[in-house]
Amino acid sequence: LSYAKPSAPVKEPSDIRGVLEHALAMAEKAIADKHILVQKRFDGGMPLPMVDAAMLEQAFLNTCHNAIDAMEEGGRLHVSARAANDAGRPSVVVDIEDNGCGIDREDMPSLFNPFFTRKKYGIGLGLAQVKKIIELHQGRVEILSKKGEGTRFVVTLPVDDAHESPPPASAGGEREQDAP
């Protein structure tokens, strides 16, 4: 039902780093069960996009679960966020990349279709829901994948110029962290 008739996002200036950290915390058990190495990199001083943090958290959680499902035990999940300029508009770009099994080229056009799945479980609404949530935020999502090498989800979200960025995560302006 949330796919067919989603509620309107309640947008407010939000720290994307915090949204991503919370989504990763929600996936913590699956990450630990497969001994996935999580590498995080967040630029300091990113602007605050106007988003519904709970909706975006769900989109990022779905994306992380897909990545975890695609990896063998001991895989690597890289999550990053950075400020960018998208066609002259300030934006935030989120990358979620795994070193899992990758996606067949012939499946790529169907990934965001409702009920499309190659998994033995689930109903194939996860990525359709991700796309819908990102589009409700006037953003876009791209999937780059190579069979046998992994998949990279790239989410670009526009930023309203009026919102200040939070203080830098570190003196160097960037933060990188590995987690077991």
Foldseek 3Di string as FASTA:
>chain_A
DCLVDNDQADWDFDDVVVLLVVLCVVCVVLCVVLVEKEKEKEFFFAWTATGRSVLLSLLNNLVVVVQSVQAGRHWYWYWYKDWDADPNFIKIKIKIKIQGQWDDPVCQVVLLPFQDDPDPDDRRNNNVSSQVRLVSQVKGWDWDTDGNGIIMIMIIGTHDVPTGTDGAPDPVRMDMDIDD
